[in-house]
PDB file of all heavy atoms in Angstrom:
ATOM      1  N   ALA A   1      61.337  46.459  -5.995  1.00  0.00           N
ATOM      2  CA  ALA A   1      62.716  46.525  -6.458  1.00  0.00           C
ATOM      3  C   ALA A   1      62.785  46.121  -7.915  1.00  0.00           C
ATOM      4  O   ALA A   1      61.917  45.405  -8.421  1.00  0.00           O
ATOM      5  CB  ALA A   1      63.623  45.615  -5.618  1.00  0.00           C
ATOM      6  N   ALA A   2      63.834  46.563  -8.599  1.00  0.00           N
ATOM      7  CA  ALA A   2      64.057  46.182  -9.988  1.00  0.00           C
ATOM      8  C   ALA A   2      65.551  46.106 -10.261  1.00  0.00           C
ATOM      9  O   ALA A   2      66.357  46.719  -9.559  1.00  0.00           O
ATOM     10  CB  ALA A   2      63.389  47.172 -10.946  1.00  0.00           C
ATOM     11  N   ILE A   3      65.904  45.373 -11.309  1.00  0.00           N
ATOM     12  CA  ILE A   3      67.299  45.163 -11.659  1.00  0.00           C
ATOM     13  C   ILE A   3      67.451  45.175 -13.168  1.00  0.00           C
ATOM     14  O   ILE A   3      66.593  44.679 -13.899  1.00  0.00           O
ATOM     15  CB  ILE A   3      67.817  43.845 -11.032  1.00  0.00           C
ATOM     16  CG1 ILE A   3      69.327  43.702 -11.215  1.00  0.00           C
ATOM     17  CG2 ILE A   3      67.071  42.642 -11.608  1.00  0.00           C
ATOM     18  CD1 ILE A   3      69.927  42.595 -10.342  1.00  0.00           C
ATOM     19  N   SER A   4      68.557  45.738 -13.634  1.00  0.00           N
ATOM     20  CA  SER A   4      68.811  45.889 -15.053  1.00  0.00           C
ATOM     21  C   SER A   4      69.257  44.581 -15.693  1.00  0.00           C
ATOM     22  O   SER A   4      69.445  43.562 -15.031  1.00  0.00           O
ATOM     23  CB  SER A   4      69.873  46.962 -15.278  1.00  0.00           C
ATOM     24  OG  SER A   4      71.108  46.571 -14.707  1.00  0.00           O
ATOM     25  N   TRP A   5      69.453  44.619 -17.010  1.00  0.00           N
ATOM     26  CA  TRP A   5      69.886  43.450 -17.779  1.00  0.00           C
ATOM     27  C   TRP A   5      71.097  42.764 -17.159  1.00  0.00           C
ATOM     28  O   TRP A   5      71.101  41.545 -16.952  1.00  0.00           O
ATOM     29  CB  TRP A   5      70.280  43.865 -19.198  1.00  0.00           C
ATOM     30  CG  TRP A   5      69.173  44.276 -20.098  1.00  0.00           C
ATOM     31  CD1 TRP A   5      67.845  44.366 -19.814  1.00  0.00           C
ATOM     32  CD2 TRP A   5      69.321  44.657 -21.461  1.00  0.00           C
ATOM     33  NE1 TRP A   5      67.154  44.782 -20.916  1.00  0.00           N
ATOM     34  CE2 TRP A   5      68.042  44.966 -21.945  1.00  0.00           C
ATOM     35  CE3 TRP A   5      70.423  44.766 -22.319  1.00  0.00           C
ATOM     36  CZ2 TRP A   5      67.825  45.382 -23.256  1.00  0.00           C
ATOM     37  CZ3 TRP A   5      70.208  45.181 -23.626  1.00  0.00           C
ATOM     38  CH2 TRP A   5      68.921  45.483 -24.081  1.00  0.00           C
ATOM     39  N   SER A   6      72.123  43.547 -16.907  1.00  0.00           N
ATOM     40  CA  SER A   6      73.395  42.990 -16.460  1.00  0.00           C
ATOM     41  C   SER A   6      73.447  42.757 -14.963  1.00  0.00           C
ATOM     42  O   SER A   6      74.362  42.087 -14.481  1.00  0.00           O
ATOM     43  CB  SER A   6      74.532  43.927 -16.854  1.00  0.00           C
ATOM     44  OG  SER A   6      74.439  45.153 -16.153  1.00  0.00           O
ATOM     45  N   GLY A   7      72.504  43.313 -14.244  1.00  0.00           N
ATOM     46  CA  GLY A   7      72.560  43.267 -12.800  1.00  0.00           C
ATOM     47  C   GLY A   7      73.377  44.390 -12.199  1.00  0.00           C
ATOM     48  O   GLY A   7      73.501  44.470 -10.971  1.00  0.00           O
ATOM     49  N   GLY A   8      73.908  45.260 -13.043  1.00  0.00           N
ATOM     50  CA  GLY A   8      74.745  46.331 -12.567  1.00  0.00           C
ATOM     51  C   GLY A   8      73.996  47.506 -11.976  1.00  0.00           C
ATOM     52  O   GLY A   8      74.598  48.324 -11.275  1.00  0.00           O
ATOM     53  N   SER A   9      72.716  47.598 -12.265  1.00  0.00           N
ATOM     54  CA  SER A   9      71.898  48.685 -11.749  1.00  0.00           C
ATOM     55  C   SER A   9      70.690  48.119 -11.031  1.00  0.00           C
ATOM     56  O   SER A   9      70.031  47.215 -11.543  1.00  0.00           O
ATOM     57  CB  SER A   9      71.441  49.608 -12.879  1.00  0.00           C
ATOM     58  OG  SER A   9      72.539  50.247 -13.497  1.00  0.00           O
ATOM     59  N   THR A  10      70.416  48.655  -9.866  1.00  0.00           N
ATOM     60  CA  THR A  10      69.239  48.263  -9.098  1.00  0.00           C
ATOM     61  C   THR A  10      68.530  49.497  -8.587  1.00  0.00           C
ATOM     62  O   THR A  10      69.115  50.576  -8.482  1.00  0.00           O
ATOM     63  CB  THR A  10      69.609  47.360  -7.913  1.00  0.00           C
ATOM     64  OG1 THR A  10      70.541  48.045  -7.068  1.00  0.00           O
ATOM     65  CG2 THR A  10      70.238  46.057  -8.396  1.00  0.00           C
ATOM     66  N   TYR A  11      67.275  49.318  -8.256  1.00  0.00           N
ATOM     67  CA  TYR A  11      66.482  50.409  -7.719  1.00  0.00           C
ATOM     68  C   TYR A  11      65.487  49.836  -6.729  1.00  0.00           C
ATOM     69  O   TYR A  11      64.884  48.795  -6.983  1.00  0.00           O
ATOM     70  CB  TYR A  11      65.756  51.156  -8.839  1.00  0.00           C
ATOM     71  CG  TYR A  11      65.077  52.422  -8.386  1.00  0.00           C
ATOM     72  CD1 TYR A  11      65.812  53.578  -8.141  1.00  0.00           C
ATOM     73  CD2 TYR A  11      63.698  52.469  -8.197  1.00  0.00           C
ATOM     74  CE1 TYR A  11      65.196  54.736  -7.721  1.00  0.00           C
ATOM     75  CE2 TYR A  11      63.075  53.627  -7.779  1.00  0.00           C
ATOM     76  CZ  TYR A  11      63.834  54.762  -7.544  1.00  0.00           C
ATOM     77  OH  TYR A  11      63.218  55.917  -7.135  1.00  0.00           O
ATOM     78  N   TYR A  12      65.305  50.534  -5.600  1.00  0.00           N
ATOM     79  CA  TYR A  12      64.463  50.043  -4.530  1.00  0.00           C
ATOM     80  C   TYR A  12      63.459  51.085  -4.084  1.00  0.00           C
ATOM     81  O   TYR A  12      63.742  52.290  -4.097  1.00  0.00           O
ATOM     82  CB  TYR A  12      65.308  49.648  -3.314  1.00  0.00           C
ATOM     83  CG  TYR A  12      66.296  48.543  -3.576  1.00  0.00           C
ATOM     84  CD1 TYR A  12      67.590  48.825  -3.987  1.00  0.00           C
ATOM     85  CD2 TYR A  12      65.928  47.206  -3.405  1.00  0.00           C
ATOM     86  CE1 TYR A  12      68.497  47.806  -4.226  1.00  0.00           C
ATOM     87  CE2 TYR A  12      66.831  46.189  -3.639  1.00  0.00           C
ATOM     88  CZ  TYR A  12      68.109  46.491  -4.050  1.00  0.00           C
ATOM     89  OH  TYR A  12      69.009  45.477  -4.284  1.00  0.00           O
ATOM     90  N   ALA A  13      62.303  50.609  -3.668  1.00  0.00           N
ATOM     91  CA  ALA A  13      61.365  51.485  -2.995  1.00  0.00           C
ATOM     92  C   ALA A  13      61.959  51.939  -1.670  1.00  0.00           C
ATOM     93  O   ALA A  13      62.712  51.204  -1.023  1.00  0.00           O
ATOM     94  CB  ALA A  13      60.036  50.763  -2.757  1.00  0.00           C
ATOM     95  N   ASP A  14      61.620  53.149  -1.270  1.00  0.00           N
ATOM     96  CA  ASP A  14      62.148  53.671  -0.014  1.00  0.00           C
ATOM     97  C   ASP A  14      61.800  52.774   1.173  1.00  0.00           C
ATOM     98  O   ASP A  14      62.574  52.669   2.129  1.00  0.00           O
ATOM     99  CB  ASP A  14      61.616  55.079   0.236  1.00  0.00           C
ATOM    100  CG  ASP A  14      62.215  56.112  -0.697  1.00  0.00           C
ATOM    101  OD1 ASP A  14      63.279  55.839  -1.293  1.00  0.00           O
ATOM    102  OD2 ASP A  14      61.624  57.201  -0.824  1.00  0.00           O
ATOM    103  N   SER A  15      60.660  52.123   1.107  1.00  0.00           N
ATOM    104  CA  SER A  15      60.198  51.314   2.218  1.00  0.00           C
ATOM    105  C   SER A  15      61.053  50.069   2.457  1.00  0.00           C
ATOM    106  O   SER A  15      61.007  49.497   3.547  1.00  0.00           O
ATOM    107  CB  SER A  15      58.742  50.898   2.000  1.00  0.00           C
ATOM    108  OG  SER A  15      58.601  50.161   0.796  1.00  0.00           O
ATOM    109  N   VAL A  16      61.820  49.650   1.449  1.00  0.00           N
ATOM    110  CA  VAL A  16      62.619  48.436   1.586  1.00  0.00           C
ATOM    111  C   VAL A  16      64.112  48.682   1.428  1.00  0.00           C
ATOM    112  O   VAL A  16      64.909  47.766   1.671  1.00  0.00           O
ATOM    113  CB  VAL A  16      62.172  47.351   0.588  1.00  0.00           C
ATOM    114  CG1 VAL A  16      60.679  47.087   0.714  1.00  0.00           C
ATOM    115  CG2 VAL A  16      62.528  47.744  -0.845  1.00  0.00           C
ATOM    116  N   LYS A  17      64.494  49.868   1.044  1.00  0.00           N
ATOM    117  CA  LYS A  17      65.900  50.175   0.813  1.00  0.00           C
ATOM    118  C   LYS A  17      66.716  49.922   2.074  1.00  0.00           C
ATOM    119  O   LYS A  17      66.353  50.362   3.164  1.00  0.00           O
ATOM    120  CB  LYS A  17      66.062  51.626   0.361  1.00  0.00           C
ATOM    121  CG  LYS A  17      67.462  51.973  -0.107  1.00  0.00           C
ATOM    122  CD  LYS A  17      67.520  53.384  -0.654  1.00  0.00           C
ATOM    123  CE  LYS A  17      68.911  53.746  -1.152  1.00  0.00           C
ATOM    124  NZ  LYS A  17      69.315  52.881  -2.294  1.00  0.00           N
ATOM    125  N   GLY A  18      67.816  49.207   1.911  1.00  0.00           N
ATOM    126  CA  GLY A  18      68.662  48.851   3.028  1.00  0.00           C
ATOM    127  C   GLY A  18      68.305  47.526   3.667  1.00  0.00           C
ATOM    128  O   GLY A  18      69.110  46.986   4.431  1.00  0.00           O
ATOM    129  N   ARG A  19      67.129  47.010   3.380  1.00  0.00           N
ATOM    130  CA  ARG A  19      66.691  45.734   3.934  1.00  0.00           C
ATOM    131  C   ARG A  19      66.605  44.627   2.885  1.00  0.00           C
ATOM    132  O   ARG A  19      66.883  43.468   3.183  1.00  0.00           O
ATOM    133  CB  ARG A  19      65.326  45.876   4.608  1.00  0.00           C
ATOM    134  CG  ARG A  19      65.297  46.866   5.757  1.00  0.00           C
ATOM    135  CD  ARG A  19      63.968  46.817   6.502  1.00  0.00           C
ATOM    136  NE  ARG A  19      62.847  47.205   5.646  1.00  0.00           N
ATOM    137  CZ  ARG A  19      61.787  46.433   5.409  1.00  0.00           C
ATOM    138  NH1 ARG A  19      61.705  45.230   5.949  1.00  0.00           N
ATOM    139  NH2 ARG A  19      60.798  46.872   4.641  1.00  0.00           N
ATOM    140  N   PHE A  20      66.211  44.991   1.668  1.00  0.00           N
ATOM    141  CA  PHE A  20      66.027  44.015   0.597  1.00  0.00           C
ATOM    142  C   PHE A  20      67.141  44.155  -0.429  1.00  0.00           C
ATOM    143  O   PHE A  20      67.668  45.250  -0.661  1.00  0.00           O
ATOM    144  CB  PHE A  20      64.692  44.221  -0.107  1.00  0.00           C
ATOM    145  CG  PHE A  20      63.470  43.911   0.719  1.00  0.00           C
ATOM    146  CD1 PHE A  20      63.561  43.613   2.063  1.00  0.00           C
ATOM    147  CD2 PHE A  20      62.228  43.921   0.115  1.00  0.00           C
ATOM    148  CE1 PHE A  20      62.432  43.332   2.812  1.00  0.00           C
ATOM    149  CE2 PHE A  20      61.088  43.635   0.852  1.00  0.00           C
ATOM    150  CZ  PHE A  20      61.179  43.342   2.200  1.00  0.00           C
ATOM    151  N   THR A  21      67.469  43.048  -1.072  1.00  0.00           N
ATOM    152  CA  THR A  21      68.458  43.041  -2.140  1.00  0.00           C
ATOM    153  C   THR A  21      67.932  42.226  -3.310  1.00  0.00           C
ATOM    154  O   THR A  21      67.577  41.059  -3.143  1.00  0.00           O
ATOM    155  CB  THR A  21      69.798  42.459  -1.667  1.00  0.00           C
ATOM    156  OG1 THR A  21      70.297  43.205  -0.560  1.00  0.00           O
ATOM    157  CG2 THR A  21      70.826  42.516  -2.803  1.00  0.00           C
ATOM    158  N   ILE A  22      67.896  42.839  -4.481  1.00  0.00           N
ATOM    159  CA  ILE A  22      67.508  42.131  -5.690  1.00  0.00           C
ATOM    160  C   ILE A  22      68.768  41.735  -6.452  1.00  0.00           C
ATOM    161  O   ILE A  22      69.742  42.487  -6.502  1.00  0.00           O
ATOM    162  CB  ILE A  22      66.572  42.984  -6.571  1.00  0.00           C
ATOM    163  CG1 ILE A  22      66.015  42.154  -7.729  1.00  0.00           C
ATOM    164  CG2 ILE A  22      67.263  44.244  -7.068  1.00  0.00           C
ATOM    165  CD1 ILE A  22      64.911  42.866  -8.507  1.00  0.00           C
ATOM    166  N   SER A  23      68.755  40.548  -7.027  1.00  0.00           N
ATOM    167  CA  SER A  23      69.879  40.073  -7.817  1.00  0.00           C
ATOM    168  C   SER A  23      69.359  39.169  -8.918  1.00  0.00           C
ATOM    169  O   SER A  23      68.202  38.749  -8.895  1.00  0.00           O
ATOM    170  CB  SER A  23      70.905  39.339  -6.943  1.00  0.00           C
ATOM    171  OG  SER A  23      70.323  38.204  -6.334  1.00  0.00           O
ATOM    172  N   ARG A  24      70.212  38.878  -9.883  1.00  0.00           N
ATOM    173  CA  ARG A  24      69.805  37.986 -10.959  1.00  0.00           C
ATOM    174  C   ARG A  24      70.970  37.128 -11.403  1.00  0.00           C
ATOM    175  O   ARG A  24      72.135  37.522 -11.318  1.00  0.00           O
ATOM    176  CB  ARG A  24      69.228  38.770 -12.146  1.00  0.00           C
ATOM    177  CG  ARG A  24      70.230  39.622 -12.903  1.00  0.00           C
ATOM    178  CD  ARG A  24      69.518  40.562 -13.886  1.00  0.00           C
ATOM    179  NE  ARG A  24      68.780  39.838 -14.906  1.00  0.00           N
ATOM    180  CZ  ARG A  24      67.840  40.379 -15.681  1.00  0.00           C
ATOM    181  NH1 ARG A  24      67.517  41.664 -15.528  1.00  0.00           N
ATOM    182  NH2 ARG A  24      67.228  39.641 -16.593  1.00  0.00           N
ATOM    183  N   ASP A  25      70.637  35.954 -11.881  1.00  0.00           N
ATOM    184  CA  ASP A  25      71.604  35.029 -12.440  1.00  0.00           C
ATOM    185  C   ASP A  25      71.094  34.680 -13.827  1.00  0.00           C
ATOM    186  O   ASP A  25      70.216  33.831 -13.983  1.00  0.00           O
ATOM    187  CB  ASP A  25      71.747  33.790 -11.565  1.00  0.00           C
ATOM    188  CG  ASP A  25      72.849  32.868 -12.039  1.00  0.00           C
ATOM    189  OD1 ASP A  25      73.245  32.937 -13.216  1.00  0.00           O
ATOM    190  OD2 ASP A  25      73.324  32.054 -11.222  1.00  0.00           O
ATOM    191  N   ASN A  26      71.621  35.349 -14.829  1.00  0.00           N
ATOM    192  CA  ASN A  26      71.113  35.164 -16.181  1.00  0.00           C
ATOM    193  C   ASN A  26      71.385  33.765 -16.720  1.00  0.00           C
ATOM    194  O   ASN A  26      70.623  33.257 -17.546  1.00  0.00           O
ATOM    195  CB  ASN A  26      71.711  36.216 -17.112  1.00  0.00           C
ATOM    196  CG  ASN A  26      71.164  37.599 -16.844  1.00  0.00           C
ATOM    197  OD1 ASN A  26      70.112  37.758 -16.230  1.00  0.00           O
ATOM    198  ND2 ASN A  26      71.873  38.619 -17.312  1.00  0.00           N
ATOM    199  N   ALA A  27      72.459  33.149 -16.267  1.00  0.00           N
ATOM    200  CA  ALA A  27      72.748  31.784 -16.692  1.00  0.00           C
ATOM    201  C   ALA A  27      71.676  30.818 -16.218  1.00  0.00           C
ATOM    202  O   ALA A  27      71.436  29.792 -16.859  1.00  0.00           O
ATOM    203  CB  ALA A  27      74.117  31.352 -16.190  1.00  0.00           C
ATOM    204  N   LYS A  28      71.051  31.131 -15.098  1.00  0.00           N
ATOM    205  CA  LYS A  28      69.990  30.296 -14.550  1.00  0.00           C
ATOM    206  C   LYS A  28      68.600  30.833 -14.840  1.00  0.00           C
ATOM    207  O   LYS A  28      67.605  30.249 -14.403  1.00  0.00           O
ATOM    208  CB  LYS A  28      70.164  30.138 -13.039  1.00  0.00           C
ATOM    209  CG  LYS A  28      71.431  29.417 -12.626  1.00  0.00           C
ATOM    210  CD  LYS A  28      71.505  29.280 -11.115  1.00  0.00           C
ATOM    211  CE  LYS A  28      72.741  28.515 -10.689  1.00  0.00           C
ATOM    212  NZ  LYS A  28      72.825  28.374  -9.215  1.00  0.00           N
ATOM    213  N   ASN A  29      68.517  31.949 -15.550  1.00  0.00           N
ATOM    214  CA  ASN A  29      67.234  32.590 -15.839  1.00  0.00           C
ATOM    215  C   ASN A  29      66.428  32.823 -14.566  1.00  0.00           C
ATOM    216  O   ASN A  29      65.222  32.559 -14.514  1.00  0.00           O
ATOM    217  CB  ASN A  29      66.416  31.755 -16.824  1.00  0.00           C
ATOM    218  CG  ASN A  29      66.963  31.810 -18.234  1.00  0.00           C
ATOM    219  OD1 ASN A  29      67.878  32.572 -18.545  1.00  0.00           O
ATOM    220  ND2 ASN A  29      66.392  30.992 -19.112  1.00  0.00           N
ATOM    221  N   THR A  30      67.094  33.324 -13.552  1.00  0.00           N
ATOM    222  CA  THR A  30      66.476  33.453 -12.249  1.00  0.00           C
ATOM    223  C   THR A  30      66.780  34.815 -11.639  1.00  0.00           C
ATOM    224  O   THR A  30      67.903  35.310 -11.740  1.00  0.00           O
ATOM    225  CB  THR A  30      66.953  32.354 -11.292  1.00  0.00           C
ATOM    226  OG1 THR A  30      66.648  31.073 -11.857  1.00  0.00           O
ATOM    227  CG2 THR A  30      66.267  32.460  -9.941  1.00  0.00           C
ATOM    228  N   VAL A  31      65.781  35.398 -11.006  1.00  0.00           N
ATOM    229  CA  VAL A  31      65.948  36.624 -10.250  1.00  0.00           C
ATOM    230  C   VAL A  31      65.576  36.340  -8.802  1.00  0.00           C
ATOM    231  O   VAL A  31      64.689  35.526  -8.532  1.00  0.00           O
ATOM    232  CB  VAL A  31      65.104  37.775 -10.843  1.00  0.00           C
ATOM    233  CG1 VAL A  31      63.620  37.460 -10.780  1.00  0.00           C
ATOM    234  CG2 VAL A  31      65.414  39.085 -10.137  1.00  0.00           C
TER     235      VAL A  31
END
């Protein structure tokens, strides 16, 4: 999975789509 700068765009491998969620908190420098 991957996530854009703002967190507004994400992309997932077909094998995990619907099961995994990627997110980020830029204030915490954490994904």
